[in-house]
């Protein structure tokens, strides 16, 4: 168990460099839960996302869906500094912030 945690931590540390994402829907249109701030958003088929999904035992039917890695809820909407990485609205945020599934970029 500790090895898995260390491996996931090391894998996520390599993803810590955030890149700007294209902005999409307004944050107010997110009906699936809180808007998330993710360090990266990638297709589920990417090696880093697939690795985290496998470690958590998550099997997705659609590997083209975008997933957010290392996510946390954004509590204050409307300020440009509330997310310095990628603001997204995700369908499934139930994996403790390690990964959020079905993410779409949002405009804050």
PDB file of N, CA and C in Angstrom:
ATOM      1  N   UNK A   1       0.825  -1.183   0.000  1.00  0.00           N
ATOM      2  CA  UNK A   1       0.000   0.000   0.000  1.00  0.00           C
ATOM      3  C   UNK A   1       0.871   1.249   0.000  1.00  0.00           C
ATOM      4  N   UNK A   2       1.931   1.245   0.819  1.00  0.00           N
ATOM      5  CA  UNK A   2       2.803   2.402   0.867  1.00  0.00           C
ATOM      6  C   UNK A   2       3.541   2.573  -0.461  1.00  0.00           C
ATOM      7  N   UNK A   3       3.873   1.455  -1.113  1.00  0.00           N
ATOM      8  CA  UNK A   3       4.544   1.547  -2.399  1.00  0.00           C
ATOM      9  C   UNK A   3       3.633   2.198  -3.431  1.00  0.00           C
ATOM     10  N   UNK A   4       2.342   1.808  -3.435  1.00  0.00           N
ATOM     11  CA  UNK A   4       1.396   2.415  -4.372  1.00  0.00           C
ATOM     12  C   UNK A   4       1.295   3.915  -4.133  1.00  0.00           C
ATOM     13  N   UNK A   5       1.198   4.307  -2.848  1.00  0.00           N
ATOM     14  CA  UNK A   5       1.088   5.727  -2.530  1.00  0.00           C
ATOM     15  C   UNK A   5       2.340   6.473  -2.981  1.00  0.00           C
ATOM     16  N   UNK A   6       3.511   5.887  -2.733  1.00  0.00           N
ATOM     17  CA  UNK A   6       4.761   6.530  -3.144  1.00  0.00           C
ATOM     18  C   UNK A   6       4.848   6.629  -4.660  1.00  0.00           C
ATOM     19  N   UNK A   7       4.421   5.584  -5.359  1.00  0.00           N
ATOM     20  CA  UNK A   7       4.464   5.602  -6.813  1.00  0.00           C
ATOM     21  C   UNK A   7       3.507   6.640  -7.376  1.00  0.00           C
ATOM     22  N   UNK A   8       2.278   6.680  -6.831  1.00  0.00           N
ATOM     23  CA  UNK A   8       1.299   7.664  -7.293  1.00  0.00           C
ATOM     24  C   UNK A   8       1.806   9.069  -7.011  1.00  0.00           C
ATOM     25  N   UNK A   9       2.387   9.269  -5.818  1.00  0.00           N
ATOM     26  CA  UNK A   9       2.916  10.590  -5.477  1.00  0.00           C
ATOM     27  C   UNK A   9       4.024  10.997  -6.431  1.00  0.00           C
ATOM     28  N   UNK A  10       4.905  10.076  -6.743  1.00  0.00           N
ATOM     29  CA  UNK A  10       5.999  10.384  -7.666  1.00  0.00           C
ATOM     30  C   UNK A  10       5.467  10.662  -9.072  1.00  0.00           C
ATOM     31  N   UNK A  11       4.472   9.887  -9.488  1.00  0.00           N
ATOM     32  CA  UNK A  11       3.896  10.094 -10.821  1.00  0.00           C
ATOM     33  C   UNK A  11       3.204  11.448 -10.900  1.00  0.00           C
ATOM     34  N   UNK A  12       2.490  11.792  -9.852  1.00  0.00           N
ATOM     35  CA  UNK A  12       1.780  13.068  -9.865  1.00  0.00           C
ATOM     36  C   UNK A  12       2.732  14.242  -9.737  1.00  0.00           C
ATOM     37  N   UNK A  13       3.852  14.049  -9.067  1.00  0.00           N
ATOM     38  CA  UNK A  13       4.832  15.131  -8.950  1.00  0.00           C
ATOM     39  C   UNK A  13       5.390  15.491 -10.321  1.00  0.00           C
ATOM     40  N   UNK A  14       5.499  14.514 -11.202  1.00  0.00           N
ATOM     41  CA  UNK A  14       6.005  14.807 -12.541  1.00  0.00           C
ATOM     42  C   UNK A  14       4.986  15.580 -13.367  1.00  0.00           C
ATOM     43  N   UNK A  15       3.736  15.548 -12.940  1.00  0.00           N
ATOM     44  CA  UNK A  15       2.678  16.252 -13.661  1.00  0.00           C
ATOM     45  C   UNK A  15       2.430  17.648 -13.108  1.00  0.00           C
ATOM     46  N   UNK A  16       3.216  18.078 -12.163  1.00  0.00           N
ATOM     47  CA  UNK A  16       2.955  19.328 -11.461  1.00  0.00           C
ATOM     48  C   UNK A  16       3.154  20.567 -12.329  1.00  0.00           C
ATOM     49  N   UNK A  17       3.824  20.443 -13.437  1.00  0.00           N
ATOM     50  CA  UNK A  17       4.026  21.599 -14.306  1.00  0.00           C
ATOM     51  C   UNK A  17       2.748  21.834 -15.088  1.00  0.00           C
ATOM     52  N   UNK A  18       2.102  22.937 -14.820  1.00  0.00           N
ATOM     53  CA  UNK A  18       0.819  23.234 -15.464  1.00  0.00           C
ATOM     54  C   UNK A  18       1.036  23.994 -16.758  1.00  0.00           C
ATOM     55  N   UNK A  19       0.213  23.651 -17.719  1.00  0.00           N
ATOM     56  CA  UNK A  19       0.249  24.372 -18.993  1.00  0.00           C
ATOM     57  C   UNK A  19      -1.107  25.010 -19.216  1.00  0.00           C
ATOM     58  N   UNK A  20      -1.154  26.157 -19.869  1.00  0.00           N
ATOM     59  CA  UNK A  20      -2.443  26.803 -20.102  1.00  0.00           C
ATOM     60  C   UNK A  20      -3.339  25.936 -20.972  1.00  0.00           C
ATOM     61  N   UNK A  21      -4.610  25.949 -20.667  1.00  0.00           N
ATOM     62  CA  UNK A  21      -5.578  25.166 -21.436  1.00  0.00           C
ATOM     63  C   UNK A  21      -6.534  26.106 -22.144  1.00  0.00           C
ATOM     64  N   UNK A  22      -7.065  25.669 -23.261  1.00  0.00           N
ATOM     65  CA  UNK A  22      -8.077  26.490 -23.897  1.00  0.00           C
ATOM     66  C   UNK A  22      -9.281  26.596 -22.979  1.00  0.00           C
ATOM     67  N   UNK A  23      -9.897  27.753 -22.940  1.00  0.00           N
ATOM     68  CA  UNK A  23     -11.051  27.972 -22.071  1.00  0.00           C
ATOM     69  C   UNK A  23     -12.317  27.592 -22.804  1.00  0.00           C
ATOM     70  N   UNK A  24     -13.282  27.080 -22.052  1.00  0.00           N
ATOM     71  CA  UNK A  24     -14.503  26.608 -22.670  1.00  0.00           C
ATOM     72  C   UNK A  24     -15.728  27.248 -22.062  1.00  0.00           C
ATOM     73  N   UNK A  25     -16.606  26.419 -21.521  1.00  0.00           N
ATOM     74  CA  UNK A  25     -17.881  26.847 -20.959  1.00  0.00           C
ATOM     75  C   UNK A  25     -17.680  27.772 -19.763  1.00  0.00           C
ATOM     76  N   UNK A  26     -18.670  28.635 -19.484  1.00  0.00           N
ATOM     77  CA  UNK A  26     -18.588  29.436 -18.261  1.00  0.00           C
ATOM     78  C   UNK A  26     -18.723  28.529 -17.041  1.00  0.00           C
ATOM     79  N   UNK A  27     -18.034  28.872 -15.958  1.00  0.00           N
ATOM     80  CA  UNK A  27     -18.053  28.053 -14.748  1.00  0.00           C
ATOM     81  C   UNK A  27     -19.459  27.889 -14.206  1.00  0.00           C
ATOM     82  N   UNK A  28     -20.327  28.865 -14.413  1.00  0.00           N
ATOM     83  CA  UNK A  28     -21.690  28.789 -13.894  1.00  0.00           C
ATOM     84  C   UNK A  28     -22.507  27.685 -14.556  1.00  0.00           C
ATOM     85  N   UNK A  29     -22.056  27.164 -15.705  1.00  0.00           N
ATOM     86  CA  UNK A  29     -22.796  26.104 -16.388  1.00  0.00           C
ATOM     87  C   UNK A  29     -22.427  24.713 -15.880  1.00  0.00           C
ATOM     88  N   UNK A  30     -21.535  24.620 -14.911  1.00  0.00           N
ATOM     89  CA  UNK A  30     -21.127  23.323 -14.368  1.00  0.00           C
ATOM     90  C   UNK A  30     -22.224  22.800 -13.446  1.00  0.00           C
ATOM     91  N   UNK A  31     -22.902  21.740 -13.861  1.00  0.00           N
ATOM     92  CA  UNK A  31     -24.000  21.189 -13.074  1.00  0.00           C
ATOM     93  C   UNK A  31     -23.622  19.876 -12.393  1.00  0.00           C
ATOM     94  N   UNK A  32     -22.372  19.437 -12.545  1.00  0.00           N
ATOM     95  CA  UNK A  32     -21.975  18.137 -12.014  1.00  0.00           C
ATOM     96  C   UNK A  32     -21.316  18.216 -10.646  1.00  0.00           C
ATOM     97  N   UNK A  33     -21.081  19.388 -10.141  1.00  0.00           N
ATOM     98  CA  UNK A  33     -20.422  19.545  -8.848  1.00  0.00           C
ATOM     99  C   UNK A  33     -19.538  20.765  -8.880  1.00  0.00           C
ATOM    100  N   UNK A  34     -18.648  20.894  -7.894  1.00  0.00           N
ATOM    101  CA  UNK A  34     -17.802  22.085  -7.854  1.00  0.00           C
ATOM    102  C   UNK A  34     -16.819  22.125  -9.019  1.00  0.00           C
ATOM    103  N   UNK A  35     -16.520  23.330  -9.474  1.00  0.00           N
ATOM    104  CA  UNK A  35     -15.488  23.505 -10.485  1.00  0.00           C
ATOM    105  C   UNK A  35     -14.163  23.104  -9.844  1.00  0.00           C
ATOM    106  N   UNK A  36     -13.355  22.383 -10.583  1.00  0.00           N
ATOM    107  CA  UNK A  36     -12.083  21.868 -10.084  1.00  0.00           C
ATOM    108  C   UNK A  36     -10.911  22.625 -10.706  1.00  0.00           C
ATOM    109  N   UNK A  37      -9.825  22.722  -9.968  1.00  0.00           N
ATOM    110  CA  UNK A  37      -8.570  23.250 -10.488  1.00  0.00           C
ATOM    111  C   UNK A  37      -7.611  22.068 -10.567  1.00  0.00           C
ATOM    112  N   UNK A  38      -7.257  21.667 -11.784  1.00  0.00           N
ATOM    113  CA  UNK A  38      -6.418  20.482 -11.990  1.00  0.00           C
ATOM    114  C   UNK A  38      -5.047  20.883 -12.513  1.00  0.00           C
ATOM    115  N   UNK A  39      -4.023  20.203 -12.047  1.00  0.00           N
ATOM    116  CA  UNK A  39      -2.674  20.490 -12.496  1.00  0.00           C
ATOM    117  C   UNK A  39      -2.478  20.119 -13.961  1.00  0.00           C
ATOM    118  N   UNK A  40      -3.200  19.110 -14.435  1.00  0.00           N
ATOM    119  CA  UNK A  40      -3.171  18.788 -15.868  1.00  0.00           C
ATOM    120  C   UNK A  40      -4.463  18.091 -16.247  1.00  0.00           C
ATOM    121  N   UNK A  41      -4.831  18.215 -17.518  1.00  0.00           N
ATOM    122  CA  UNK A  41      -6.003  17.545 -18.076  1.00  0.00           C
ATOM    123  C   UNK A  41      -5.533  16.816 -19.320  1.00  0.00           C
ATOM    124  N   UNK A  42      -5.789  15.504 -19.355  1.00  0.00           N
ATOM    125  CA  UNK A  42      -5.289  14.665 -20.442  1.00  0.00           C
ATOM    126  C   UNK A  42      -6.336  13.632 -20.830  1.00  0.00           C
ATOM    127  N   UNK A  43      -6.219  13.066 -22.027  1.00  0.00           N
ATOM    128  CA  UNK A  43      -7.099  11.953 -22.382  1.00  0.00           C
ATOM    129  C   UNK A  43      -6.808  10.762 -21.463  1.00  0.00           C
ATOM    130  N   UNK A  44      -7.824   9.988 -21.155  1.00  0.00           N
ATOM    131  CA  UNK A  44      -7.639   8.821 -20.286  1.00  0.00           C
ATOM    132  C   UNK A  44      -6.645   7.830 -20.866  1.00  0.00           C
ATOM    133  N   UNK A  45      -6.442   7.868 -22.177  1.00  0.00           N
ATOM    134  CA  UNK A  45      -5.516   6.940 -22.830  1.00  0.00           C
ATOM    135  C   UNK A  45      -4.051   7.354 -22.693  1.00  0.00           C
ATOM    136  N   UNK A  46      -3.778   8.575 -22.212  1.00  0.00           N
ATOM    137  CA  UNK A  46      -2.382   9.004 -22.066  1.00  0.00           C
ATOM    138  C   UNK A  46      -1.685   8.142 -21.025  1.00  0.00           C
ATOM    139  N   UNK A  47      -0.385   8.005 -21.124  1.00  0.00           N
ATOM    140  CA  UNK A  47       0.341   7.111 -20.224  1.00  0.00           C
ATOM    141  C   UNK A  47       0.220   7.535 -18.764  1.00  0.00           C
ATOM    142  N   UNK A  48       0.275   8.827 -18.484  1.00  0.00           N
ATOM    143  CA  UNK A  48       0.194   9.264 -17.089  1.00  0.00           C
ATOM    144  C   UNK A  48      -1.200   9.053 -16.514  1.00  0.00           C
ATOM    145  N   UNK A  49      -2.243   9.381 -17.275  1.00  0.00           N
ATOM    146  CA  UNK A  49      -3.610   9.171 -16.794  1.00  0.00           C
ATOM    147  C   UNK A  49      -3.918   7.680 -16.672  1.00  0.00           C
ATOM    148  N   UNK A  50      -3.512   6.900 -17.656  1.00  0.00           N
ATOM    149  CA  UNK A  50      -3.765   5.458 -17.623  1.00  0.00           C
ATOM    150  C   UNK A  50      -3.075   4.817 -16.428  1.00  0.00           C
ATOM    151  N   UNK A  51      -1.877   5.307 -16.087  1.00  0.00           N
ATOM    152  CA  UNK A  51      -1.164   4.769 -14.931  1.00  0.00           C
ATOM    153  C   UNK A  51      -1.905   5.013 -13.633  1.00  0.00           C
ATOM    154  N   UNK A  52      -2.410   6.225 -13.455  1.00  0.00           N
ATOM    155  CA  UNK A  52      -3.152   6.555 -12.233  1.00  0.00           C
ATOM    156  C   UNK A  52      -4.469   5.777 -12.199  1.00  0.00           C
ATOM    157  N   UNK A  53      -5.170   5.699 -13.344  1.00  0.00           N
ATOM    158  CA  UNK A  53      -6.415   4.936 -13.398  1.00  0.00           C
ATOM    159  C   UNK A  53      -6.164   3.471 -13.021  1.00  0.00           C
ATOM    160  N   UNK A  54      -5.094   2.891 -13.536  1.00  0.00           N
ATOM    161  CA  UNK A  54      -4.776   1.492 -13.236  1.00  0.00           C
ATOM    162  C   UNK A  54      -4.451   1.301 -11.761  1.00  0.00           C
ATOM    163  N   UNK A  55      -3.670   2.210 -11.198  1.00  0.00           N
ATOM    164  CA  UNK A  55      -3.323   2.093  -9.777  1.00  0.00           C
ATOM    165  C   UNK A  55      -4.545   2.182  -8.875  1.00  0.00           C
ATOM    166  N   UNK A  56      -5.530   2.967  -9.281  1.00  0.00           N
ATOM    167  CA  UNK A  56      -6.749   3.107  -8.489  1.00  0.00           C
ATOM    168  C   UNK A  56      -7.793   2.043  -8.834  1.00  0.00           C
ATOM    169  N   UNK A  57      -7.509   1.210  -9.838  1.00  0.00           N
ATOM    170  CA  UNK A  57      -8.438   0.158 -10.234  1.00  0.00           C
ATOM    171  C   UNK A  57      -9.661   0.671 -10.962  1.00  0.00           C
ATOM    172  N   UNK A  58      -9.529   1.802 -11.655  1.00  0.00           N
ATOM    173  CA  UNK A  58     -10.650   2.400 -12.379  1.00  0.00           C
ATOM    174  C   UNK A  58     -10.575   1.975 -13.839  1.00  0.00           C
ATOM    175  N   UNK A  59     -11.657   1.389 -14.331  1.00  0.00           N
ATOM    176  CA  UNK A  59     -11.739   0.962 -15.726  1.00  0.00           C
ATOM    177  C   UNK A  59     -12.758   1.861 -16.418  1.00  0.00           C
ATOM    178  N   UNK A  60     -12.333   2.534 -17.481  1.00  0.00           N
ATOM    179  CA  UNK A  60     -13.219   3.410 -18.246  1.00  0.00           C
ATOM    180  C   UNK A  60     -13.579   2.752 -19.566  1.00  0.00           C
ATOM    181  N   UNK A  61     -14.828   2.916 -19.971  1.00  0.00           N
ATOM    182  CA  UNK A  61     -15.269   2.393 -21.261  1.00  0.00           C
ATOM    183  C   UNK A  61     -14.734   3.238 -22.409  1.00  0.00           C
ATOM    184  N   UNK A  62     -14.667   4.560 -22.212  1.00  0.00           N
ATOM    185  CA  UNK A  62     -14.263   5.487 -23.260  1.00  0.00           C
ATOM    186  C   UNK A  62     -12.907   6.096 -22.902  1.00  0.00           C
ATOM    187  N   UNK A  63     -11.853   5.663 -23.571  1.00  0.00           N
ATOM    188  CA  UNK A  63     -10.513   6.167 -23.264  1.00  0.00           C
ATOM    189  C   UNK A  63     -10.223   7.518 -23.907  1.00  0.00           C
ATOM    190  N   UNK A  64     -11.195   8.079 -24.642  1.00  0.00           N
ATOM    191  CA  UNK A  64     -10.982   9.408 -25.216  1.00  0.00           C
ATOM    192  C   UNK A  64     -11.484  10.510 -24.278  1.00  0.00           C
ATOM    193  N   UNK A  65     -12.135  10.122 -23.182  1.00  0.00           N
ATOM    194  CA  UNK A  65     -12.637  11.098 -22.232  1.00  0.00           C
ATOM    195  C   UNK A  65     -11.449  11.792 -21.547  1.00  0.00           C
ATOM    196  N   UNK A  66     -11.595  13.090 -21.283  1.00  0.00           N
ATOM    197  CA  UNK A  66     -10.522  13.825 -20.608  1.00  0.00           C
ATOM    198  C   UNK A  66     -10.629  13.646 -19.102  1.00  0.00           C
ATOM    199  N   UNK A  67      -9.479  13.471 -18.477  1.00  0.00           N
ATOM    200  CA  UNK A  67      -9.420  13.339 -17.028  1.00  0.00           C
ATOM    201  C   UNK A  67      -8.487  14.413 -16.471  1.00  0.00           C
ATOM    202  N   UNK A  68      -8.826  14.901 -15.301  1.00  0.00           N
ATOM    203  CA  UNK A  68      -7.998  15.877 -14.614  1.00  0.00           C
ATOM    204  C   UNK A  68      -7.158  15.177 -13.569  1.00  0.00           C
ATOM    205  N   UNK A  69      -5.891  15.551 -13.472  1.00  0.00           N
ATOM    206  CA  UNK A  69      -4.984  14.956 -12.497  1.00  0.00           C
ATOM    207  C   UNK A  69      -4.601  15.987 -11.446  1.00  0.00           C
ATOM    208  N   UNK A  70      -4.568  15.549 -10.203  1.00  0.00           N
ATOM    209  CA  UNK A  70      -4.251  16.384  -9.046  1.00  0.00           C
ATOM    210  C   UNK A  70      -5.184  17.592  -9.003  1.00  0.00           C
ATOM    211  N   UNK A  71      -6.439  17.335  -8.689  1.00  0.00           N
ATOM    212  CA  UNK A  71      -7.482  18.361  -8.716  1.00  0.00           C
ATOM    213  C   UNK A  71      -7.929  18.741  -7.308  1.00  0.00           C
ATOM    214  N   UNK A  72      -8.370  19.973  -7.195  1.00  0.00           N
ATOM    215  CA  UNK A  72      -8.966  20.441  -5.943  1.00  0.00           C
ATOM    216  C   UNK A  72     -10.104  21.386  -6.293  1.00  0.00           C
ATOM    217  N   UNK A  73     -11.145  21.435  -5.450  1.00  0.00           N
ATOM    218  CA  UNK A  73     -12.279  22.322  -5.736  1.00  0.00           C
ATOM    219  C   UNK A  73     -11.876  23.785  -5.668  1.00  0.00           C
ATOM    220  N   UNK A  74     -12.478  24.583  -6.520  1.00  0.00           N
ATOM    221  CA  UNK A  74     -12.281  26.036  -6.483  1.00  0.00           C
ATOM    222  C   UNK A  74     -13.424  26.601  -5.657  1.00  0.00           C
ATOM    223  N   UNK A  75     -13.096  27.284  -4.577  1.00  0.00           N
ATOM    224  CA  UNK A  75     -14.141  27.762  -3.671  1.00  0.00           C
ATOM    225  C   UNK A  75     -14.613  29.166  -4.000  1.00  0.00           C
ATOM    226  N   UNK A  76     -13.771  29.990  -4.613  1.00  0.00           N
ATOM    227  CA  UNK A  76     -14.155  31.361  -4.948  1.00  0.00           C
ATOM    228  C   UNK A  76     -14.094  31.518  -6.455  1.00  0.00           C
ATOM    229  N   UNK A  77     -15.253  31.702  -7.078  1.00  0.00           N
ATOM    230  CA  UNK A  77     -15.309  31.858  -8.532  1.00  0.00           C
ATOM    231  C   UNK A  77     -15.390  33.342  -8.857  1.00  0.00           C
ATOM    232  N   UNK A  78     -14.679  33.729  -9.905  1.00  0.00           N
ATOM    233  CA  UNK A  78     -14.754  35.109 -10.359  1.00  0.00           C
ATOM    234  C   UNK A  78     -13.454  35.861 -10.223  1.00  0.00           C
ATOM    235  N   UNK A  79     -12.455  35.238  -9.622  1.00  0.00           N
ATOM    236  CA  UNK A  79     -11.152  35.888  -9.549  1.00  0.00           C
ATOM    237  C   UNK A  79     -10.182  35.105 -10.404  1.00  0.00           C
ATOM    238  N   UNK A  80      -9.342  35.794 -11.131  1.00  0.00           N
ATOM    239  CA  UNK A  80      -8.426  35.126 -12.042  1.00  0.00           C
ATOM    240  C   UNK A  80      -7.359  34.333 -11.293  1.00  0.00           C
ATOM    241  N   UNK A  81      -7.124  34.624 -10.035  1.00  0.00           N
ATOM    242  CA  UNK A  81      -6.085  33.918  -9.286  1.00  0.00           C
ATOM    243  C   UNK A  81      -6.611  32.683  -8.573  1.00  0.00           C
ATOM    244  N   UNK A  82      -7.893  32.343  -8.716  1.00  0.00           N
ATOM    245  CA  UNK A  82      -8.435  31.208  -7.988  1.00  0.00           C
ATOM    246  C   UNK A  82      -7.921  29.868  -8.517  1.00  0.00           C
ATOM    247  N   UNK A  83      -7.404  29.826  -9.742  1.00  0.00           N
ATOM    248  CA  UNK A  83      -6.822  28.605 -10.284  1.00  0.00           C
ATOM    249  C   UNK A  83      -5.668  28.984 -11.192  1.00  0.00           C
ATOM    250  N   UNK A  84      -4.467  28.616 -10.783  1.00  0.00           N
ATOM    251  CA  UNK A  84      -3.306  28.951 -11.599  1.00  0.00           C
ATOM    252  C   UNK A  84      -2.995  27.853 -12.610  1.00  0.00           C
ATOM    253  N   UNK A  85      -3.758  26.770 -12.614  1.00  0.00           N
ATOM    254  CA  UNK A  85      -3.538  25.679 -13.559  1.00  0.00           C
ATOM    255  C   UNK A  85      -4.717  25.631 -14.543  1.00  0.00           C
ATOM    256  N   UNK A  86      -5.510  24.558 -14.522  1.00  0.00           N
ATOM    257  CA  UNK A  86      -6.605  24.394 -15.469  1.00  0.00           C
ATOM    258  C   UNK A  86      -7.926  24.243 -14.725  1.00  0.00           C
ATOM    259  N   UNK A  87      -8.833  25.183 -14.941  1.00  0.00           N
ATOM    260  CA  UNK A  87     -10.159  25.113 -14.330  1.00  0.00           C
ATOM    261  C   UNK A  87     -11.047  24.233 -15.198  1.00  0.00           C
ATOM    262  N   UNK A  88     -11.682  23.245 -14.580  1.00  0.00           N
ATOM    263  CA  UNK A  88     -12.502  22.292 -15.317  1.00  0.00           C
ATOM    264  C   UNK A  88     -13.767  21.956 -14.546  1.00  0.00           C
ATOM    265  N   UNK A  89     -14.737  21.453 -15.277  1.00  0.00           N
ATOM    266  CA  UNK A  89     -15.960  20.905 -14.718  1.00  0.00           C
ATOM    267  C   UNK A  89     -15.949  19.427 -15.080  1.00  0.00           C
ATOM    268  N   UNK A  90     -16.023  18.561 -14.081  1.00  0.00           N
ATOM    269  CA  UNK A  90     -15.880  17.118 -14.317  1.00  0.00           C
ATOM    270  C   UNK A  90     -17.127  16.364 -13.882  1.00  0.00           C
ATOM    271  N   UNK A  91     -17.402  15.257 -14.566  1.00  0.00           N
ATOM    272  CA  UNK A  91     -18.558  14.432 -14.254  1.00  0.00           C
ATOM    273  C   UNK A  91     -18.361  13.633 -12.971  1.00  0.00           C
ATOM    274  N   UNK A  92     -17.124  13.205 -12.686  1.00  0.00           N
ATOM    275  CA  UNK A  92     -16.859  12.337 -11.537  1.00  0.00           C
ATOM    276  C   UNK A  92     -15.657  12.868 -10.767  1.00  0.00           C
ATOM    277  N   UNK A  93     -15.920  13.461  -9.605  1.00  0.00           N
ATOM    278  CA  UNK A  93     -14.868  14.011  -8.748  1.00  0.00           C
ATOM    279  C   UNK A  93     -14.688  13.170  -7.488  1.00  0.00           C
ATOM    280  N   UNK A  94     -15.031  11.905  -7.531  1.00  0.00           N
ATOM    281  CA  UNK A  94     -15.105  11.088  -6.319  1.00  0.00           C
ATOM    282  C   UNK A  94     -13.847  10.297  -5.999  1.00  0.00           C
ATOM    283  N   UNK A  95     -12.709  10.698  -6.524  1.00  0.00           N
ATOM    284  CA  UNK A  95     -11.491   9.910  -6.321  1.00  0.00           C
ATOM    285  C   UNK A  95     -10.436  10.669  -5.515  1.00  0.00           C
ATOM    286  N   UNK A  96     -10.871  11.460  -4.569  1.00  0.00           N
ATOM    287  CA  UNK A  96      -9.976  12.120  -3.623  1.00  0.00           C
ATOM    288  C   UNK A  96      -9.024  13.139  -4.217  1.00  0.00           C
ATOM    289  N   UNK A  97      -9.344  13.707  -5.362  1.00  0.00           N
ATOM    290  CA  UNK A  97      -8.495  14.724  -5.960  1.00  0.00           C
ATOM    291  C   UNK A  97      -7.361  14.178  -6.811  1.00  0.00           C
ATOM    292  N   UNK A  98      -7.082  12.879  -6.730  1.00  0.00           N
ATOM    293  CA  UNK A  98      -6.021  12.318  -7.571  1.00  0.00           C
ATOM    294  C   UNK A  98      -6.393  12.386  -9.037  1.00  0.00           C
ATOM    295  N   UNK A  99      -7.657  12.074  -9.320  1.00  0.00           N
ATOM    296  CA  UNK A  99      -8.108  12.075 -10.703  1.00  0.00           C
ATOM    297  C   UNK A  99      -9.595  12.413 -10.739  1.00  0.00           C
ATOM    298  N   UNK A 100      -9.980  13.235 -11.690  1.00  0.00           N
ATOM    299  CA  UNK A 100     -11.392  13.561 -11.936  1.00  0.00           C
ATOM    300  C   UNK A 100     -11.692  13.165 -13.377  1.00  0.00           C
ATOM    301  N   UNK A 101     -12.841  12.560 -13.593  1.00  0.00           N
ATOM    302  CA  UNK A 101     -13.154  11.943 -14.885  1.00  0.00           C
ATOM    303  C   UNK A 101     -14.216  12.760 -15.621  1.00  0.00           C
ATOM    304  N   UNK A 102     -14.069  12.843 -16.945  1.00  0.00           N
ATOM    305  CA  UNK A 102     -15.042  13.522 -17.794  1.00  0.00           C
ATOM    306  C   UNK A 102     -14.962  15.033 -17.664  1.00  0.00           C
ATOM    307  N   UNK A 103     -13.769  15.583 -17.778  1.00  0.00           N
ATOM    308  CA  UNK A 103     -13.556  17.011 -17.535  1.00  0.00           C
ATOM    309  C   UNK A 103     -13.657  17.850 -18.804  1.00  0.00           C
ATOM    310  N   UNK A 104     -14.256  19.029 -18.647  1.00  0.00           N
ATOM    311  CA  UNK A 104     -14.328  20.028 -19.714  1.00  0.00           C
ATOM    312  C   UNK A 104     -13.768  21.333 -19.169  1.00  0.00           C
ATOM    313  N   UNK A 105     -12.976  22.055 -19.958  1.00  0.00           N
ATOM    314  CA  UNK A 105     -12.450  23.347 -19.504  1.00  0.00           C
ATOM    315  C   UNK A 105     -13.587  24.336 -19.263  1.00  0.00           C
ATOM    316  N   UNK A 106     -13.411  25.199 -18.255  1.00  0.00           N
ATOM    317  CA  UNK A 106     -14.384  26.252 -17.967  1.00  0.00           C
ATOM    318  C   UNK A 106     -13.675  27.584 -17.871  1.00  0.00           C
ATOM    319  N   UNK A 107     -14.440  28.642 -18.080  1.00  0.00           N
ATOM    320  CA  UNK A 107     -13.928  30.000 -17.947  1.00  0.00           C
ATOM    321  C   UNK A 107     -14.329  30.540 -16.592  1.00  0.00           C
ATOM    322  N   UNK A 108     -13.348  31.026 -15.850  1.00  0.00           N
ATOM    323  CA  UNK A 108     -13.646  31.594 -14.532  1.00  0.00           C
ATOM    324  C   UNK A 108     -13.998  33.051 -14.656  1.00  0.00           C
TER     325      UNK A 108
END
